[in-house]
C-alpha cells in the first residue's frame, strides 16, 4: 500500500501507539477523543535535574498539512530560552512537513534538557513559588515567570530620573464560552517601568496568576522620536500576543497596556479563542476611551507607519 493510501487517522493512531510504547509512563493521555496528549521529558530518568511537560493536540490535518498544536509547560522556561526551544520545534516541523514528528520533538527537548543540566543547576527560587510547583501532564501553563522578559528589557533600555507611580488598572467584563473564561485588564502606561509595575501588580492577584494564559501587549508613543515602543507576550497561547498587538495597531491606541487572562475550561475552542481574546481587548479599549475616532484613524493612516521596537535579550 502506498503512503498516500494510508488515512490520516491511521497514521495518527500508529504514531500514538508508538509513542505510548516508547515512553511508557512518561506518555499521558489527556483527552483521547480530542487527541490531546502530554509527555513528561527529563534530562535523566533516574536523577532528573530539569523536567518539561510537552502537551500536544493532533489536528485532523496532522501529519499531512498541519503541525501539532503544542504547549511547553515548565516553571523555569521563559524568555529567550522558551523562544529558542519553540523555534527549534517549528524548524523540525518545517524540515519534515507531512511526516510524523512527535518523536523528533521529544528527543530534541530531551537534548536541550541534557545540555542545560551539564551547564546549570535548577534554580531553588523557582521551586519555592507555590503556583509553579507541579510540572506534569496538566492543561495549565505556568505563567508566573514569563513577564520577567519584558521586565529585563525595561531595566536595560530605559533609565528614569524618578520612580513612576503605579497607574490605575481596570478590569473588563469576562467572556465565557464552553467553560473557558476570558477577561481583559487595562492600564495607561507611558514608560517601560510602568509596564513592569502593572504586570507585577496583576500577578499579585491569585485569580490572575492562576490563569492558563495571560496574554499581553503594550504600545508607548515616544514624542521625541515620534515612534512607538511596543511588544507582546503569547504566554503559551501561540500567536495570541501578536494578534493582540496587531489589533492595538489597527485601533491606533497608544500609551496603554492590555492583558487578557484565559482560564481554560477543558474544551478546545479552536480559532474562537483568538476571537474572544481580541473581543475582550477591543471592548475594554473602547470602554476606557483609548480608541481613536474615525477621523483620527484616517488622518494617522496617511502617516508613516511606526515600526515595532522590540528589545529582545
C-alpha atoms as a PDB file:
ATOM      1  CA  UNK A   1       0.000   0.000   0.000  1.00  0.00           C
ATOM      2  CA  UNK A   2       1.394   3.415  -0.938  1.00  0.00           C
ATOM      3  CA  UNK A   3       1.821   6.021   1.765  1.00  0.00           C
ATOM      4  CA  UNK A   4      -0.862   8.180   0.176  1.00  0.00           C
ATOM      5  CA  UNK A   5      -3.350   5.334   0.635  1.00  0.00           C
ATOM      6  CA  UNK A   6      -2.913   5.367   4.414  1.00  0.00           C
ATOM      7  CA  UNK A   7      -5.544   7.548   6.099  1.00  0.00           C
ATOM      8  CA  UNK A   8      -4.631  10.418   8.392  1.00  0.00           C
ATOM      9  CA  UNK A   9      -6.447   8.690  11.265  1.00  0.00           C
ATOM     10  CA  UNK A  10      -4.441   5.520  10.747  1.00  0.00           C
ATOM     11  CA  UNK A  11      -1.140   7.408  10.671  1.00  0.00           C
ATOM     12  CA  UNK A  12      -2.084   9.283  13.840  1.00  0.00           C
ATOM     13  CA  UNK A  13      -3.132   6.105  15.634  1.00  0.00           C
ATOM     14  CA  UNK A  14       0.090   4.357  14.643  1.00  0.00           C
ATOM     15  CA  UNK A  15       2.159   7.262  15.940  1.00  0.00           C
ATOM     16  CA  UNK A  16       0.199   7.417  19.211  1.00  0.00           C
ATOM     17  CA  UNK A  17       0.704   3.676  19.767  1.00  0.00           C
ATOM     18  CA  UNK A  18       4.417   4.006  19.024  1.00  0.00           C
ATOM     19  CA  UNK A  19       4.845   6.938  21.418  1.00  0.00           C
ATOM     20  CA  UNK A  20       2.996   5.116  24.195  1.00  0.00           C
ATOM     21  CA  UNK A  21       5.188   2.062  23.615  1.00  0.00           C
ATOM     22  CA  UNK A  22       8.451   4.030  23.556  1.00  0.00           C
ATOM     23  CA  UNK A  23       7.825   6.333  26.521  1.00  0.00           C
ATOM     24  CA  UNK A  24       5.568   4.265  28.781  1.00  0.00           C
ATOM     25  CA  UNK A  25       4.624   6.151  31.928  1.00  0.00           C
ATOM     26  CA  UNK A  26       6.100   9.372  30.579  1.00  0.00           C
ATOM     27  CA  UNK A  27       3.303   9.401  27.975  1.00  0.00           C
ATOM     28  CA  UNK A  28      -0.046  10.653  29.285  1.00  0.00           C
ATOM     29  CA  UNK A  29      -3.461  10.692  27.577  1.00  0.00           C
ATOM     30  CA  UNK A  30      -5.398  13.845  28.477  1.00  0.00           C
ATOM     31  CA  UNK A  31      -8.324  13.537  26.067  1.00  0.00           C
ATOM     32  CA  UNK A  32      -8.283  10.516  23.773  1.00  0.00           C
ATOM     33  CA  UNK A  33     -11.244  11.617  21.692  1.00  0.00           C
ATOM     34  CA  UNK A  34      -9.816  15.096  21.073  1.00  0.00           C
ATOM     35  CA  UNK A  35      -6.342  13.559  20.670  1.00  0.00           C
ATOM     36  CA  UNK A  36      -4.687  15.630  23.377  1.00  0.00           C
ATOM     37  CA  UNK A  37      -1.610  14.119  24.987  1.00  0.00           C
ATOM     38  CA  UNK A  38       1.352  15.184  27.028  1.00  0.00           C
ATOM     39  CA  UNK A  39       4.727  13.711  27.769  1.00  0.00           C
ATOM     40  CA  UNK A  40       6.958  14.398  30.724  1.00  0.00           C
ATOM     41  CA  UNK A  41      10.519  14.839  29.499  1.00  0.00           C
ATOM     42  CA  UNK A  42      13.594  14.929  31.759  1.00  0.00           C
ATOM     43  CA  UNK A  43      17.333  15.169  31.247  1.00  0.00           C
ATOM     44  CA  UNK A  44      17.809  11.958  33.277  1.00  0.00           C
ATOM     45  CA  UNK A  45      15.148   9.387  34.212  1.00  0.00           C
ATOM     46  CA  UNK A  46      16.933   8.252  37.378  1.00  0.00           C
ATOM     47  CA  UNK A  47      18.064  11.631  38.733  1.00  0.00           C
ATOM     48  CA  UNK A  48      16.353  14.437  36.787  1.00  0.00           C
ATOM     49  CA  UNK A  49      17.560  17.995  37.226  1.00  0.00           C
ATOM     50  CA  UNK A  50      15.362  19.591  34.578  1.00  0.00           C
ATOM     51  CA  UNK A  51      11.878  18.489  33.566  1.00  0.00           C
ATOM     52  CA  UNK A  52       9.423  19.812  30.999  1.00  0.00           C
ATOM     53  CA  UNK A  53       5.933  18.742  30.002  1.00  0.00           C
ATOM     54  CA  UNK A  54       5.132  18.865  26.280  1.00  0.00           C
ATOM     55  CA  UNK A  55       1.383  18.958  25.634  1.00  0.00           C
ATOM     56  CA  UNK A  56       0.162  18.327  22.093  1.00  0.00           C
ATOM     57  CA  UNK A  57      -3.163  18.272  20.305  1.00  0.00           C
ATOM     58  CA  UNK A  58      -3.234  16.499  16.946  1.00  0.00           C
ATOM     59  CA  UNK A  59      -5.456  18.368  14.468  1.00  0.00           C
ATOM     60  CA  UNK A  60      -7.336  16.429  11.813  1.00  0.00           C
ATOM     61  CA  UNK A  61      -4.834  17.568   9.157  1.00  0.00           C
ATOM     62  CA  UNK A  62      -1.750  16.279  11.017  1.00  0.00           C
ATOM     63  CA  UNK A  63       0.659  14.952   9.820  1.00  0.00           C
ATOM     64  CA  UNK A  64      -0.366  15.798   6.281  1.00  0.00           C
ATOM     65  CA  UNK A  65      -0.679  19.574   6.123  1.00  0.00           C
ATOM     66  CA  UNK A  66      -0.704  20.883   9.691  1.00  0.00           C
ATOM     67  CA  UNK A  67       1.634  20.628  12.696  1.00  0.00           C
ATOM     68  CA  UNK A  68       0.593  19.505  16.178  1.00  0.00           C
ATOM     69  CA  UNK A  69      -0.704  22.293  18.403  1.00  0.00           C
ATOM     70  CA  UNK A  70       1.592  22.371  21.409  1.00  0.00           C
ATOM     71  CA  UNK A  71       2.370  23.931  24.775  1.00  0.00           C
ATOM     72  CA  UNK A  72       5.653  23.814  26.687  1.00  0.00           C
ATOM     73  CA  UNK A  73       4.957  23.623  30.423  1.00  0.00           C
ATOM     74  CA  UNK A  74       7.791  24.289  32.871  1.00  0.00           C
ATOM     75  CA  UNK A  75       8.127  26.968  35.571  1.00  0.00           C
ATOM     76  CA  UNK A  76      11.752  27.672  34.629  1.00  0.00           C
ATOM     77  CA  UNK A  77      11.130  28.046  30.881  1.00  0.00           C
ATOM     78  CA  UNK A  78      10.831  31.690  29.934  1.00  0.00           C
ATOM     79  CA  UNK A  79      12.091  34.486  27.748  1.00  0.00           C
ATOM     80  CA  UNK A  80      14.675  33.729  25.105  1.00  0.00           C
ATOM     81  CA  UNK A  81      15.058  30.146  26.295  1.00  0.00           C
ATOM     82  CA  UNK A  82      11.374  29.473  25.551  1.00  0.00           C
ATOM     83  CA  UNK A  83      11.594  31.247  22.200  1.00  0.00           C
ATOM     84  CA  UNK A  84      14.677  29.281  21.154  1.00  0.00           C
ATOM     85  CA  UNK A  85      13.073  25.945  22.023  1.00  0.00           C
ATOM     86  CA  UNK A  86       9.844  26.840  20.211  1.00  0.00           C
ATOM     87  CA  UNK A  87      11.846  27.877  17.154  1.00  0.00           C
ATOM     88  CA  UNK A  88      13.676  24.536  17.212  1.00  0.00           C
ATOM     89  CA  UNK A  89      10.405  22.581  17.265  1.00  0.00           C
ATOM     90  CA  UNK A  90       8.941  24.655  14.461  1.00  0.00           C
ATOM     91  CA  UNK A  91      12.099  24.203  12.409  1.00  0.00           C
ATOM     92  CA  UNK A  92      11.799  20.423  12.823  1.00  0.00           C
ATOM     93  CA  UNK A  93       8.224  20.610  11.532  1.00  0.00           C
ATOM     94  CA  UNK A  94       9.215  22.713   8.505  1.00  0.00           C
ATOM     95  CA  UNK A  95      12.013  20.273   7.654  1.00  0.00           C
ATOM     96  CA  UNK A  96       9.643  17.278   7.942  1.00  0.00           C
ATOM     97  CA  UNK A  97       6.304  18.532   6.598  1.00  0.00           C
ATOM     98  CA  UNK A  98       3.961  15.593   6.044  1.00  0.00           C
ATOM     99  CA  UNK A  99       5.876  13.319   8.434  1.00  0.00           C
ATOM    100  CA  UNK A 100       5.154  12.222  11.996  1.00  0.00           C
ATOM    101  CA  UNK A 101       7.332  14.424  14.202  1.00  0.00           C
ATOM    102  CA  UNK A 102       6.349  13.831  17.847  1.00  0.00           C
ATOM    103  CA  UNK A 103       9.335  11.578  18.484  1.00  0.00           C
ATOM    104  CA  UNK A 104      11.692  14.143  16.932  1.00  0.00           C
ATOM    105  CA  UNK A 105      10.186  16.869  19.116  1.00  0.00           C
ATOM    106  CA  UNK A 106      10.521  14.862  22.321  1.00  0.00           C
ATOM    107  CA  UNK A 107      14.123  13.909  21.655  1.00  0.00           C
ATOM    108  CA  UNK A 108      15.017  17.478  20.698  1.00  0.00           C
ATOM    109  CA  UNK A 109      13.601  18.700  24.007  1.00  0.00           C
ATOM    110  CA  UNK A 110      15.493  15.953  25.861  1.00  0.00           C
ATOM    111  CA  UNK A 111      18.738  17.017  24.166  1.00  0.00           C
ATOM    112  CA  UNK A 112      18.123  20.604  25.271  1.00  0.00           C
ATOM    113  CA  UNK A 113      17.494  19.471  28.863  1.00  0.00           C
ATOM    114  CA  UNK A 114      20.642  17.338  28.882  1.00  0.00           C
ATOM    115  CA  UNK A 115      22.726  20.255  27.648  1.00  0.00           C
ATOM    116  CA  UNK A 116      21.122  22.503  30.262  1.00  0.00           C
ATOM    117  CA  UNK A 117      21.880  20.013  33.037  1.00  0.00           C
ATOM    118  CA  UNK A 118      25.542  19.985  32.036  1.00  0.00           C
ATOM    119  CA  UNK A 119      25.971  23.734  32.436  1.00  0.00           C
ATOM    120  CA  UNK A 120      23.384  24.845  35.012  1.00  0.00           C
ATOM    121  CA  UNK A 121      21.744  23.797  38.247  1.00  0.00           C
ATOM    122  CA  UNK A 122      17.991  24.085  38.971  1.00  0.00           C
ATOM    123  CA  UNK A 123      17.005  27.467  40.383  1.00  0.00           C
ATOM    124  CA  UNK A 124      15.954  26.952  44.031  1.00  0.00           C
ATOM    125  CA  UNK A 125      13.931  30.170  43.966  1.00  0.00           C
ATOM    126  CA  UNK A 126      11.625  28.768  41.313  1.00  0.00           C
ATOM    127  CA  UNK A 127      10.797  25.766  43.468  1.00  0.00           C
ATOM    128  CA  UNK A 128       9.522  27.988  46.303  1.00  0.00           C
ATOM    129  CA  UNK A 129       6.700  29.500  44.258  1.00  0.00           C
ATOM    130  CA  UNK A 130       3.528  27.558  45.116  1.00  0.00           C
ATOM    131  CA  UNK A 131       1.801  28.164  41.792  1.00  0.00           C
ATOM    132  CA  UNK A 132       4.836  26.800  39.949  1.00  0.00           C
ATOM    133  CA  UNK A 133       5.409  23.620  41.936  1.00  0.00           C
ATOM    134  CA  UNK A 134       3.788  20.963  39.820  1.00  0.00           C
ATOM    135  CA  UNK A 135       5.211  20.253  36.413  1.00  0.00           C
ATOM    136  CA  UNK A 136       3.355  17.442  34.782  1.00  0.00           C
ATOM    137  CA  UNK A 137       0.557  16.438  32.471  1.00  0.00           C
ATOM    138  CA  UNK A 138      -1.729  19.396  33.038  1.00  0.00           C
ATOM    139  CA  UNK A 139      -3.679  21.720  30.828  1.00  0.00           C
ATOM    140  CA  UNK A 140      -2.461  24.638  32.881  1.00  0.00           C
ATOM    141  CA  UNK A 141       0.569  26.566  31.675  1.00  0.00           C
ATOM    142  CA  UNK A 142       2.704  28.176  34.340  1.00  0.00           C
ATOM    143  CA  UNK A 143       2.505  31.915  33.765  1.00  0.00           C
ATOM    144  CA  UNK A 144       4.107  33.467  36.790  1.00  0.00           C
ATOM    145  CA  UNK A 145       7.571  33.897  35.360  1.00  0.00           C
ATOM    146  CA  UNK A 146       7.118  34.936  31.770  1.00  0.00           C
ATOM    147  CA  UNK A 147       6.516  38.678  32.179  1.00  0.00           C
ATOM    148  CA  UNK A 148      10.078  38.936  33.518  1.00  0.00           C
ATOM    149  CA  UNK A 149      11.232  39.000  29.902  1.00  0.00           C
ATOM    150  CA  UNK A 150       9.636  42.409  29.496  1.00  0.00           C
ATOM    151  CA  UNK A 151      10.961  43.482  32.896  1.00  0.00           C
ATOM    152  CA  UNK A 152      14.547  42.803  31.844  1.00  0.00           C
ATOM    153  CA  UNK A 153      14.008  44.848  28.710  1.00  0.00           C
ATOM    154  CA  UNK A 154      12.781  47.716  30.850  1.00  0.00           C
ATOM    155  CA  UNK A 155      15.807  47.740  33.077  1.00  0.00           C
ATOM    156  CA  UNK A 156      18.315  47.557  30.249  1.00  0.00           C
ATOM    157  CA  UNK A 157      16.819  50.068  27.853  1.00  0.00           C
ATOM    158  CA  UNK A 158      15.257  52.856  29.918  1.00  0.00           C
ATOM    159  CA  UNK A 159      16.541  54.883  32.821  1.00  0.00           C
ATOM    160  CA  UNK A 160      14.146  57.176  34.652  1.00  0.00           C
ATOM    161  CA  UNK A 161      15.220  60.026  36.935  1.00  0.00           C
ATOM    162  CA  UNK A 162      12.371  59.196  39.292  1.00  0.00           C
ATOM    163  CA  UNK A 163      10.245  56.160  40.053  1.00  0.00           C
ATOM    164  CA  UNK A 164       6.864  56.495  38.322  1.00  0.00           C
ATOM    165  CA  UNK A 165       3.594  55.768  40.080  1.00  0.00           C
ATOM    166  CA  UNK A 166       1.627  52.592  39.587  1.00  0.00           C
ATOM    167  CA  UNK A 167      -1.114  53.530  37.099  1.00  0.00           C
ATOM    168  CA  UNK A 168      -4.755  52.566  37.737  1.00  0.00           C
ATOM    169  CA  UNK A 169      -5.762  49.135  36.462  1.00  0.00           C
ATOM    170  CA  UNK A 170      -9.216  48.476  35.030  1.00  0.00           C
ATOM    171  CA  UNK A 171     -10.804  45.073  34.520  1.00  0.00           C
ATOM    172  CA  UNK A 172     -13.156  44.245  31.666  1.00  0.00           C
ATOM    173  CA  UNK A 173     -16.350  42.197  31.578  1.00  0.00           C
ATOM    174  CA  UNK A 174     -15.489  38.461  31.297  1.00  0.00           C
ATOM    175  CA  UNK A 175     -16.491  36.423  28.248  1.00  0.00           C
ATOM    176  CA  UNK A 176     -17.277  32.730  28.809  1.00  0.00           C
ATOM    177  CA  UNK A 177     -17.501  30.100  26.075  1.00  0.00           C
ATOM    178  CA  UNK A 178     -17.617  26.329  26.659  1.00  0.00           C
ATOM    179  CA  UNK A 179     -16.293  26.711  30.197  1.00  0.00           C
ATOM    180  CA  UNK A 180     -13.315  28.830  29.134  1.00  0.00           C
ATOM    181  CA  UNK A 181     -13.362  32.376  30.521  1.00  0.00           C
ATOM    182  CA  UNK A 182     -11.558  35.400  29.101  1.00  0.00           C
ATOM    183  CA  UNK A 183     -11.086  38.741  30.869  1.00  0.00           C
ATOM    184  CA  UNK A 184      -9.136  41.824  29.824  1.00  0.00           C
ATOM    185  CA  UNK A 185      -7.193  44.153  32.117  1.00  0.00           C
ATOM    186  CA  UNK A 186      -6.030  47.613  31.045  1.00  0.00           C
ATOM    187  CA  UNK A 187      -3.676  50.265  32.393  1.00  0.00           C
ATOM    188  CA  UNK A 188      -2.384  53.549  30.932  1.00  0.00           C
ATOM    189  CA  UNK A 189       1.415  53.443  30.660  1.00  0.00           C
ATOM    190  CA  UNK A 190       3.986  55.978  29.472  1.00  0.00           C
ATOM    191  CA  UNK A 191       7.204  54.091  30.204  1.00  0.00           C
ATOM    192  CA  UNK A 192       8.516  50.540  30.484  1.00  0.00           C
ATOM    193  CA  UNK A 193       8.795  50.835  34.254  1.00  0.00           C
ATOM    194  CA  UNK A 194       5.015  51.187  34.477  1.00  0.00           C
ATOM    195  CA  UNK A 195       4.544  48.123  32.277  1.00  0.00           C
ATOM    196  CA  UNK A 196       6.634  46.187  34.770  1.00  0.00           C
ATOM    197  CA  UNK A 197       4.729  47.585  37.735  1.00  0.00           C
ATOM    198  CA  UNK A 198       1.310  46.746  36.273  1.00  0.00           C
ATOM    199  CA  UNK A 199       2.302  43.178  35.386  1.00  0.00           C
ATOM    200  CA  UNK A 200       3.708  42.632  38.871  1.00  0.00           C
ATOM    201  CA  UNK A 201       0.558  44.066  40.455  1.00  0.00           C
ATOM    202  CA  UNK A 202      -1.706  41.859  38.357  1.00  0.00           C
ATOM    203  CA  UNK A 203       0.251  38.759  39.328  1.00  0.00           C
ATOM    204  CA  UNK A 204      -0.345  39.564  42.989  1.00  0.00           C
ATOM    205  CA  UNK A 205      -3.974  38.674  42.252  1.00  0.00           C
ATOM    206  CA  UNK A 206      -4.273  34.914  42.809  1.00  0.00           C
ATOM    207  CA  UNK A 207      -7.046  34.584  40.253  1.00  0.00           C
ATOM    208  CA  UNK A 208      -4.985  36.268  37.518  1.00  0.00           C
ATOM    209  CA  UNK A 209      -1.870  34.313  38.495  1.00  0.00           C
ATOM    210  CA  UNK A 210      -3.826  31.048  38.203  1.00  0.00           C
ATOM    211  CA  UNK A 211      -4.993  31.755  34.641  1.00  0.00           C
ATOM    212  CA  UNK A 212      -3.929  29.261  31.990  1.00  0.00           C
ATOM    213  CA  UNK A 213      -2.621  32.120  29.855  1.00  0.00           C
ATOM    214  CA  UNK A 214      -2.012  35.820  30.463  1.00  0.00           C
ATOM    215  CA  UNK A 215      -1.503  37.331  27.025  1.00  0.00           C
ATOM    216  CA  UNK A 216      -0.417  40.956  26.878  1.00  0.00           C
ATOM    217  CA  UNK A 217       0.654  43.734  24.534  1.00  0.00           C
ATOM    218  CA  UNK A 218       1.571  47.379  25.012  1.00  0.00           C
ATOM    219  CA  UNK A 219       2.202  50.467  22.883  1.00  0.00           C
ATOM    220  CA  UNK A 220       4.040  53.542  24.175  1.00  0.00           C
ATOM    221  CA  UNK A 221       4.401  56.633  21.992  1.00  0.00           C
ATOM    222  CA  UNK A 222       7.724  58.494  22.234  1.00  0.00           C
ATOM    223  CA  UNK A 223       7.097  62.113  21.320  1.00  0.00           C
ATOM    224  CA  UNK A 224      10.770  62.987  20.891  1.00  0.00           C
ATOM    225  CA  UNK A 225      11.424  60.227  18.347  1.00  0.00           C
ATOM    226  CA  UNK A 226       7.847  60.077  17.002  1.00  0.00           C
ATOM    227  CA  UNK A 227       7.931  56.297  17.202  1.00  0.00           C
ATOM    228  CA  UNK A 228       6.184  53.602  19.175  1.00  0.00           C
ATOM    229  CA  UNK A 229       7.874  51.290  21.645  1.00  0.00           C
ATOM    230  CA  UNK A 230       5.771  48.160  21.703  1.00  0.00           C
ATOM    231  CA  UNK A 231       5.961  44.464  22.492  1.00  0.00           C
ATOM    232  CA  UNK A 232       3.748  41.485  23.249  1.00  0.00           C
ATOM    233  CA  UNK A 233       3.726  38.114  25.009  1.00  0.00           C
ATOM    234  CA  UNK A 234       1.865  34.928  23.995  1.00  0.00           C
ATOM    235  CA  UNK A 235       2.304  33.223  27.379  1.00  0.00           C
ATOM    236  CA  UNK A 236       1.877  29.788  25.845  1.00  0.00           C
ATOM    237  CA  UNK A 237      -1.046  30.703  23.568  1.00  0.00           C
ATOM    238  CA  UNK A 238       0.913  30.652  20.312  1.00  0.00           C
ATOM    239  CA  UNK A 239       0.465  33.812  18.178  1.00  0.00           C
ATOM    240  CA  UNK A 240      -2.096  35.350  20.566  1.00  0.00           C
ATOM    241  CA  UNK A 241       0.197  38.175  21.677  1.00  0.00           C
ATOM    242  CA  UNK A 242       0.997  39.176  18.110  1.00  0.00           C
ATOM    243  CA  UNK A 243      -2.692  39.197  17.197  1.00  0.00           C
ATOM    244  CA  UNK A 244      -3.468  41.356  20.216  1.00  0.00           C
ATOM    245  CA  UNK A 245      -0.715  43.824  19.315  1.00  0.00           C
ATOM    246  CA  UNK A 246      -1.936  43.900  15.712  1.00  0.00           C
ATOM    247  CA  UNK A 247      -5.433  44.787  16.955  1.00  0.00           C
ATOM    248  CA  UNK A 248      -3.978  47.646  19.014  1.00  0.00           C
ATOM    249  CA  UNK A 249      -2.104  48.884  15.943  1.00  0.00           C
ATOM    250  CA  UNK A 250      -5.282  48.798  13.845  1.00  0.00           C
ATOM    251  CA  UNK A 251      -7.163  50.715  16.550  1.00  0.00           C
ATOM    252  CA  UNK A 252      -4.228  53.163  16.706  1.00  0.00           C
ATOM    253  CA  UNK A 253      -4.092  53.095  20.524  1.00  0.00           C
ATOM    254  CA  UNK A 254      -1.137  54.487  22.409  1.00  0.00           C
ATOM    255  CA  UNK A 255       0.256  54.611  25.933  1.00  0.00           C
ATOM    256  CA  UNK A 256      -1.664  51.578  27.105  1.00  0.00           C
ATOM    257  CA  UNK A 257      -1.035  48.007  28.283  1.00  0.00           C
ATOM    258  CA  UNK A 258      -3.686  45.340  27.737  1.00  0.00           C
ATOM    259  CA  UNK A 259      -3.547  41.933  29.435  1.00  0.00           C
ATOM    260  CA  UNK A 260      -6.077  39.208  28.570  1.00  0.00           C
ATOM    261  CA  UNK A 261      -6.373  36.327  31.030  1.00  0.00           C
ATOM    262  CA  UNK A 262      -7.778  32.998  29.897  1.00  0.00           C
ATOM    263  CA  UNK A 263      -8.920  30.262  32.249  1.00  0.00           C
ATOM    264  CA  UNK A 264      -9.143  27.045  30.228  1.00  0.00           C
ATOM    265  CA  UNK A 265     -12.295  25.032  30.852  1.00  0.00           C
ATOM    266  CA  UNK A 266     -11.342  21.675  29.366  1.00  0.00           C
ATOM    267  CA  UNK A 267     -12.903  22.079  25.916  1.00  0.00           C
ATOM    268  CA  UNK A 268     -10.804  23.166  22.946  1.00  0.00           C
ATOM    269  CA  UNK A 269     -12.162  26.293  21.275  1.00  0.00           C
ATOM    270  CA  UNK A 270     -10.021  26.312  18.146  1.00  0.00           C
ATOM    271  CA  UNK A 271      -9.786  29.715  16.394  1.00  0.00           C
ATOM    272  CA  UNK A 272     -12.637  31.042  18.555  1.00  0.00           C
ATOM    273  CA  UNK A 273     -10.141  31.599  21.360  1.00  0.00           C
ATOM    274  CA  UNK A 274      -8.413  34.333  19.338  1.00  0.00           C
ATOM    275  CA  UNK A 275     -11.775  35.956  18.633  1.00  0.00           C
ATOM    276  CA  UNK A 276     -12.563  36.094  22.351  1.00  0.00           C
ATOM    277  CA  UNK A 277      -9.114  37.431  23.259  1.00  0.00           C
ATOM    278  CA  UNK A 278      -9.404  40.270  20.752  1.00  0.00           C
ATOM    279  CA  UNK A 279     -13.048  40.993  21.615  1.00  0.00           C
ATOM    280  CA  UNK A 280     -12.148  41.325  25.301  1.00  0.00           C
ATOM    281  CA  UNK A 281      -9.316  43.693  24.423  1.00  0.00           C
ATOM    282  CA  UNK A 282     -11.382  45.741  21.981  1.00  0.00           C
ATOM    283  CA  UNK A 283     -14.259  46.111  24.458  1.00  0.00           C
ATOM    284  CA  UNK A 284     -12.107  47.472  27.266  1.00  0.00           C
ATOM    285  CA  UNK A 285     -10.149  49.787  24.943  1.00  0.00           C
ATOM    286  CA  UNK A 286     -13.404  51.254  23.637  1.00  0.00           C
ATOM    287  CA  UNK A 287     -14.956  51.421  27.109  1.00  0.00           C
ATOM    288  CA  UNK A 288     -11.962  53.313  28.509  1.00  0.00           C
ATOM    289  CA  UNK A 289     -11.764  55.659  25.505  1.00  0.00           C
ATOM    290  CA  UNK A 290      -8.384  54.536  24.195  1.00  0.00           C
ATOM    291  CA  UNK A 291      -9.539  54.061  20.618  1.00  0.00           C
ATOM    292  CA  UNK A 292      -9.188  56.808  18.038  1.00  0.00           C
ATOM    293  CA  UNK A 293     -12.146  58.482  16.410  1.00  0.00           C
ATOM    294  CA  UNK A 294     -12.715  57.575  12.744  1.00  0.00           C
ATOM    295  CA  UNK A 295     -11.310  60.978  11.747  1.00  0.00           C
ATOM    296  CA  UNK A 296      -8.106  60.481  13.766  1.00  0.00           C
ATOM    297  CA  UNK A 297      -7.615  56.957  12.409  1.00  0.00           C
ATOM    298  CA  UNK A 298      -7.988  58.230   8.854  1.00  0.00           C
ATOM    299  CA  UNK A 299      -5.516  61.032   9.496  1.00  0.00           C
ATOM    300  CA  UNK A 300      -2.943  58.731  11.078  1.00  0.00           C
ATOM    301  CA  UNK A 301      -3.261  56.137   8.336  1.00  0.00           C
ATOM    302  CA  UNK A 302      -1.650  58.644   5.976  1.00  0.00           C
ATOM    303  CA  UNK A 303       1.461  58.945   8.156  1.00  0.00           C
ATOM    304  CA  UNK A 304       4.467  56.724   8.021  1.00  0.00           C
ATOM    305  CA  UNK A 305       3.695  53.591   9.987  1.00  0.00           C
ATOM    306  CA  UNK A 306       5.848  53.286  13.068  1.00  0.00           C
ATOM    307  CA  UNK A 307       7.926  50.168  13.499  1.00  0.00           C
ATOM    308  CA  UNK A 308       7.801  47.820  16.472  1.00  0.00           C
ATOM    309  CA  UNK A 309      10.627  48.472  18.846  1.00  0.00           C
ATOM    310  CA  UNK A 310      11.334  45.033  20.302  1.00  0.00           C
ATOM    311  CA  UNK A 311      14.312  44.879  22.620  1.00  0.00           C
ATOM    312  CA  UNK A 312      14.891  41.138  22.822  1.00  0.00           C
ATOM    313  CA  UNK A 313      17.521  39.842  25.159  1.00  0.00           C
END
